[in-house]
Protein backbone atom coordinates (compact mmCIF):
# COMPACT_ATOMS: atom_id res chain seq x y z
CA MET A 1 77.35 84.00 -28.22
CA LEU A 2 76.86 81.10 -26.72
CA SER A 3 79.52 78.04 -27.21
CA GLY A 4 77.50 76.12 -27.58
CA VAL A 5 75.83 76.98 -30.41
CA ALA A 6 78.66 77.17 -33.04
CA THR A 7 79.72 73.68 -33.93
CA THR A 8 82.87 72.75 -33.14
CA ARG A 9 84.24 69.64 -36.00
CA ARG A 10 87.27 67.91 -36.35
CA ALA A 11 109.04 40.91 -51.12
CA LEU A 12 109.95 39.16 -49.46
CA ALA A 13 111.61 40.83 -46.89
CA GLY A 14 114.70 41.28 -48.16
CA ILE A 15 113.34 38.74 -49.77
CA GLY A 16 114.12 36.16 -47.27
CA LEU A 17 114.66 33.05 -50.66
CA ALA A 18 117.79 31.42 -48.91
CA LEU A 19 120.16 31.84 -51.73
CA LEU A 20 119.38 35.24 -52.16
CA LEU A 21 118.92 37.55 -48.70
CA VAL A 22 118.92 37.20 -45.01
CA VAL A 23 115.52 38.81 -42.27
CA GLY A 24 117.65 40.53 -40.08
CA ALA A 25 115.68 42.44 -37.22
CA ALA A 26 114.32 45.52 -37.65
CA PRO A 27 116.88 48.35 -36.44
CA PRO A 28 116.03 50.82 -33.05
CA ALA A 29 114.50 53.36 -34.87
CA ALA A 30 111.53 50.72 -36.56
CA ALA A 31 110.92 49.05 -32.82
CA ALA A 32 110.64 52.60 -31.17
CA LEU A 33 108.76 52.92 -34.50
CA ARG A 34 106.09 50.55 -33.72
CA ALA A 35 106.26 50.87 -30.28
CA ASP A 36 104.32 53.97 -30.45
CA PRO A 37 101.26 54.43 -33.34
CA GLY A 38 101.94 58.10 -32.95
CA ALA A 39 105.91 58.34 -34.38
CA GLY A 40 106.03 60.30 -37.11
CA CYS A 41 102.47 62.57 -37.52
CA PRO A 42 101.90 66.00 -36.87
CA PRO A 43 101.83 67.56 -33.66
CA ASP A 44 97.64 67.48 -33.53
CA GLN A 45 97.12 64.35 -36.27
CA PRO A 46 97.91 61.08 -34.95
CA ASP A 47 96.19 58.53 -37.30
CA CYS A 48 98.46 58.83 -40.00
CA SER A 49 101.19 55.77 -40.63
CA VAL A 50 103.63 53.92 -38.96
CA TRP A 51 106.00 51.10 -41.29
CA ASP A 52 107.87 49.28 -39.86
CA ASP A 53 111.30 51.05 -42.14
CA GLU A 54 111.24 54.95 -42.37
CA PRO A 55 108.47 56.90 -41.85
CA GLY A 56 107.50 59.04 -45.06
CA LYS A 57 105.94 61.22 -45.60
CA PRO A 58 102.22 61.61 -42.61
CA GLY A 59 99.09 59.72 -44.47
CA ASP A 60 96.46 61.54 -45.21
CA PRO A 61 93.93 60.67 -42.38
CA GLY A 62 90.36 60.21 -44.29
CA GLY A 63 92.26 60.36 -47.84
CA GLY A 64 89.08 59.65 -50.13
CA GLY A 65 86.32 58.71 -47.30
CA ASP A 66 84.22 59.46 -44.94
CA ASP A 67 85.85 60.77 -42.32
CA GLY A 68 83.21 60.20 -40.07
CA GLY A 69 81.89 64.72 -40.05
CA ASP A 70 81.14 66.78 -37.40
CA ASP A 71 81.61 65.09 -33.80
CA GLY A 72 78.29 66.44 -32.63
CA SER A 73 79.26 68.49 -30.32
CA GLY A 74 76.32 71.31 -28.53
CA GLY A 75 73.56 70.73 -29.52
CA GLY A 76 72.01 67.83 -31.43
CA GLY A 77 69.01 67.25 -34.54
CA GLY A 78 70.76 66.93 -37.37
CA VAL A 79 72.55 70.43 -38.63
CA CYS A 80 71.39 73.49 -39.68
CA GLN A 81 72.08 76.55 -41.46
CA TRP A 82 72.46 80.41 -40.87
CA ASN A 83 73.98 83.12 -43.10
CA GLY A 84 76.82 80.74 -44.12
CA ARG A 85 77.48 79.18 -40.59
CA THR A 86 76.82 75.23 -39.54
CA ILE A 87 74.74 75.34 -36.52
CA PRO A 88 72.63 72.54 -34.75
CA CYS A 89 69.06 72.27 -34.01
CA TYR A 90 68.60 71.63 -31.04
CA ASP A 91 71.05 73.28 -28.86
CA GLU A 92 70.27 72.44 -24.84
CA ASP A 93 70.66 75.71 -23.37
CA LEU A 94 68.21 77.22 -26.78
CA GLY A 95 65.62 74.44 -27.39
CA TRP A 96 64.80 73.47 -31.23
CA PHE A 97 65.96 76.78 -34.31
CA ASN A 98 63.55 77.40 -37.06
CA ASN A 99 65.25 77.62 -39.54
CA GLY A 100 61.89 79.81 -41.18
CA ASP A 101 63.37 82.88 -39.52
CA GLY A 102 66.86 82.40 -37.73
CA CYS A 103 65.63 82.04 -34.33
CA TYR A 104 65.84 79.29 -31.42
CA TYR A 105 62.77 78.63 -29.05
CA LYS A 106 62.31 76.47 -26.43
CA LEU A 107 59.88 76.67 -23.71
CA SER A 108 59.31 79.15 -20.90
CA GLU A 109 57.78 80.34 -17.99
CA GLY A 110 57.08 83.28 -18.07
CA THR A 111 56.12 86.62 -15.36
CA VAL A 112 52.59 86.61 -16.08
CA GLU A 113 50.21 84.12 -17.34
CA PRO A 114 50.37 83.93 -21.77
CA PRO A 115 47.26 84.39 -23.22
CA GLU A 116 44.33 81.90 -23.85
CA GLY A 117 45.92 79.14 -25.62
CA GLU A 118 49.41 80.05 -25.62
CA GLN A 119 52.54 78.85 -24.30
CA TRP A 120 55.68 81.05 -23.33
CA TYR A 121 59.09 80.86 -25.82
CA LEU A 122 62.56 81.92 -25.31
CA GLN A 123 63.38 83.24 -28.45
CA THR A 124 66.95 84.21 -29.38
CA CYS A 125 66.97 84.87 -32.67
CA ASN A 126 70.35 85.46 -34.71
CA GLY A 127 71.11 81.97 -34.57
CA GLY A 128 71.47 82.31 -31.38
CA ASP A 129 72.82 85.02 -30.62
CA LEU A 130 72.54 86.10 -27.23
CA GLY A 131 71.67 89.81 -27.19
CA THR A 132 68.25 89.18 -29.42
CA GLN A 133 66.89 86.99 -26.42
CA VAL A 134 63.21 87.73 -26.15
CA MET A 135 60.28 86.33 -24.56
CA VAL A 136 57.46 85.90 -26.44
CA THR A 137 53.93 84.28 -26.84
CA LEU A 138 52.58 81.57 -29.28
CA ALA A 139 49.78 79.74 -30.24
CA ASP A 140 51.90 76.85 -31.85
CA PRO A 141 55.48 75.72 -31.44
CA PRO A 142 56.77 77.04 -34.62
CA PRO A 143 58.27 74.99 -37.10
CA GLY A 144 61.32 71.94 -36.05
CA PHE A 145 59.48 71.86 -32.44
CA GLY A 146 60.59 68.68 -31.66
CA ALA A 147 62.23 67.39 -33.70
CA PRO A 148 63.67 64.10 -31.89
CA PRO A 149 67.54 63.81 -32.59
CA ASP A 150 69.20 62.04 -35.52
CA PRO A 151 70.73 58.61 -35.04
CA GLU A 152 73.09 59.68 -37.59
CA GLU A 153 74.15 62.68 -36.32
CA LEU A 154 74.54 60.75 -33.14
CA ALA A 155 76.26 57.92 -34.20
CA ARG A 156 79.30 60.27 -36.23
CA ARG A 157 79.15 61.71 -32.94
CA ALA A 158 79.98 58.39 -31.16
CA LEU A 159 82.67 57.67 -33.75
CA ALA A 160 84.77 61.26 -33.47
CA SER A 161 85.02 58.89 -30.62
CA ILE A 162 86.78 57.32 -31.19
CA SER A 163 90.93 57.39 -33.24
CA LEU A 164 90.28 55.02 -36.36
CA LEU A 165 94.26 54.30 -37.46
CA PRO A 166 95.72 53.20 -40.10
CA ALA A 167 97.11 49.56 -39.09
CA PRO A 168 101.85 49.42 -39.26
CA LEU A 169 102.30 48.49 -41.75
CA ARG A 170 105.29 45.99 -43.25
CA MET A 171 106.35 44.51 -45.98
CA ALA A 172 109.53 42.30 -47.88
CA PRO A 173 111.29 43.46 -49.36
CA ARG A 174 112.01 46.40 -47.68
CA LYS A 175 115.10 49.44 -48.46
CA SER A 176 116.37 48.58 -44.11
CA ILE A 177 117.17 44.72 -44.90
CA GLY A 178 118.36 46.03 -48.68
CA PRO A 179 117.27 44.85 -52.31
CA GLY A 180 114.47 42.72 -53.98
CA LEU A 181 115.31 41.12 -57.65
CA VAL A 182 112.43 41.56 -60.24
CA GLY A 183 109.85 38.29 -60.66
CA LEU A 184 110.00 37.69 -56.52
CA PRO A 185 106.89 38.11 -54.87
CA VAL A 186 106.23 40.45 -52.57
CA TRP A 187 104.85 39.89 -49.47
CA MET A 188 102.09 42.52 -47.05
CA TRP A 189 101.15 42.75 -43.45
CA ALA A 190 100.31 44.88 -41.20
CA ALA A 191 99.97 44.55 -37.23
CA ARG A 192 97.39 42.32 -35.60
CA SER A 193 95.17 44.32 -33.74
CA THR A 194 92.79 45.79 -31.86
CA SER A 195 93.82 49.16 -31.85
CA TYR A 196 93.94 48.88 -35.77
CA PHE A 197 91.16 46.45 -37.05
CA GLY A 198 88.57 46.56 -34.56
CA PRO A 199 86.30 46.34 -33.87
CA LEU A 200 86.50 48.92 -31.80
CA THR A 201 82.99 50.21 -30.36
CA ALA A 202 81.11 53.68 -28.84
CA SER A 203 77.53 56.06 -28.17
CA ALA A 204 75.94 58.83 -28.09
CA SER A 205 73.03 59.79 -26.41
CA ASP A 206 70.94 62.69 -26.83
CA ARG A 207 66.99 63.48 -25.42
CA GLY A 208 66.44 59.51 -24.33
CA VAL A 209 67.93 58.26 -27.77
CA THR A 210 70.95 56.32 -27.91
CA VAL A 211 73.13 54.51 -30.96
CA SER A 212 75.81 52.30 -30.29
CA ILE A 213 78.75 52.12 -33.60
CA GLU A 214 80.77 48.38 -33.53
CA ALA A 215 84.19 49.55 -36.03
CA LYS A 216 86.36 47.10 -37.83
CA VAL A 217 88.19 46.85 -40.76
CA ASN A 218 87.27 45.88 -43.90
CA ARG A 219 90.44 45.69 -46.52
CA ILE A 220 93.37 47.20 -46.83
CA VAL A 221 94.11 48.65 -50.41
CA TRP A 222 98.04 48.07 -51.52
CA ASP A 223 99.88 50.74 -53.94
CA MET A 224 102.23 48.96 -55.30
CA GLY A 225 103.96 51.83 -57.32
CA ASN A 226 103.82 50.91 -61.17
CA GLY A 227 99.96 51.10 -61.06
CA ASP A 228 99.32 47.57 -59.62
CA GLU A 229 96.97 47.54 -56.78
CA VAL A 230 96.14 44.41 -55.02
CA PRO A 231 92.63 44.18 -51.76
CA CYS A 232 94.34 42.74 -48.69
CA GLU A 233 91.12 41.53 -46.64
CA THR A 234 92.99 39.98 -44.09
CA ALA A 235 95.84 41.42 -42.29
CA GLY A 236 98.02 38.59 -43.88
CA THR A 237 100.90 37.44 -42.92
CA PRO A 238 104.37 38.13 -41.91
CA TYR A 239 107.22 36.74 -43.59
CA ASP A 240 109.98 34.13 -42.75
CA SER A 241 113.66 33.42 -43.92
CA LYS A 242 113.00 30.59 -42.02
CA GLY A 243 109.65 29.20 -42.73
CA ASN A 244 108.00 26.22 -44.50
CA ARG A 245 106.95 29.14 -47.16
CA ALA A 246 110.08 31.32 -47.75
CA GLY A 247 110.94 31.63 -50.96
CA GLU A 248 107.10 31.70 -52.26
CA THR A 249 104.13 33.88 -51.78
CA SER A 250 102.36 34.91 -49.84
CA PRO A 251 98.83 32.87 -48.37
CA ASP A 252 96.65 35.38 -48.33
CA CYS A 253 98.71 39.22 -49.20
CA GLY A 254 101.24 39.41 -51.41
CA TYR A 255 102.27 40.54 -54.66
CA ASP A 256 102.79 37.43 -56.74
CA LYS A 257 104.06 38.00 -59.50
CA GLY A 258 105.73 40.31 -58.26
CA TYR A 259 108.07 43.39 -59.88
CA GLN A 260 109.13 42.79 -63.92
CA LYS A 261 111.39 45.54 -63.93
CA ALA A 262 114.59 46.98 -61.26
CA GLY A 263 113.83 50.53 -60.33
CA THR A 264 112.56 51.99 -56.83
CA TYR A 265 109.15 52.45 -56.32
CA ARG A 266 107.27 53.65 -53.20
CA VAL A 267 104.64 51.19 -51.98
CA THR A 268 101.04 53.12 -49.99
CA ALA A 269 98.81 51.28 -48.91
CA THR A 270 95.32 52.77 -47.97
CA THR A 271 93.27 50.91 -44.00
CA HIS A 272 89.11 51.00 -45.04
CA TRP A 273 87.09 50.76 -42.13
CA LYS A 274 83.19 49.90 -42.08
CA VAL A 275 81.64 51.31 -39.76
CA THR A 276 78.34 50.40 -38.83
CA TRP A 277 76.39 52.50 -36.22
CA HIS A 278 72.50 51.31 -34.77
CA GLY A 279 69.96 52.90 -32.66
CA GLY A 280 66.41 55.31 -32.76
CA GLY A 281 64.82 52.62 -35.37
CA GLU A 282 67.58 53.01 -37.45
CA SER A 283 70.57 51.38 -38.81
CA GLY A 284 73.01 52.24 -40.88
CA GLU A 285 77.21 52.03 -42.11
CA ILE A 286 79.74 55.60 -42.66
CA LEU A 287 82.68 53.99 -44.48
CA VAL A 288 85.92 55.70 -43.41
CA THR A 289 89.66 55.24 -44.36
CA ARG A 290 93.09 55.81 -43.98
CA ASN A 291 95.67 55.85 -45.85
CA SER A 292 99.67 55.47 -45.18
CA GLY A 293 102.49 57.35 -45.60
CA ASN A 294 105.35 55.24 -48.85
CA VAL A 295 108.27 53.60 -48.39
CA PRO A 296 110.61 53.09 -51.66
CA ILE A 297 111.17 49.21 -52.17
CA GLN A 298 114.18 48.72 -55.07
CA ILE A 299 114.35 45.85 -57.02
CA ASN A 300 116.91 44.49 -58.37
CA GLU A 301 117.76 42.21 -60.89
CA LEU A 302 119.03 38.78 -61.17
CA GLN A 303 122.37 38.73 -62.62
CA VAL A 304 123.38 35.86 -63.90
CA VAL A 305 127.29 35.04 -64.23
CA THR A 306 128.08 31.42 -66.92
CA ARG A 307 132.37 30.80 -66.97
């Protein structure tokens, strides 16, 4: 079997209120995680989350979303099925696939002149098995022959060439600093970087058609671990215990009402990427999500001492 035939697809930081907690520097382990976006991920999967506290459980790189599909390697012009296998509808060496008989056809030069009005084709049957190659003559091209490459498939091929990562996510309060308090606002934010928010660009070409893509994050949805979700359309604002908003709500990404009960909550977040593509006379969008791991947050009741 030719290798090219079968496709290979692959809050407040401690809440920082002056009368409560003082935000300290991130621990050495956190600094190491921020320096290595793949820290805490499986060896073959860099697309998982990094928190500035504990890395938590590595996230699902594409949970709930379209992760870009196949990488498009080995062919173009869409994908076809044969005997339960997904194969390219076009292969550089074999030509175009005919779903009707399971054979590829490529124009060729025979050793003798073909009959009048016919042409020689290299026929590779059984979904591209090189052991079943023969030369045949046909008066008309077989079904599917000469089909142009599929622009969306090229877009997915371009998407497979870049990594869409979940941004390192941070919040206050956080476990490494100290507990928060019931009813106080929580701040959430993410590392600001083109690597994590875009725009990232790429392109792919096949038989004279080029498709370009641009990938950007359009929102992060935070799951606060108690049934509440907070969508943020920006990276958020880092909490500063000495800033002019210390002790108040975040200006752009916060859980303003705070937790209403004491306890330990596990917070996760989903980064939503939008990939726009154009080329080959067409355009479209591909939506991709990247899921974080989880981080525990301890929320305590405010104790008032009276005399």
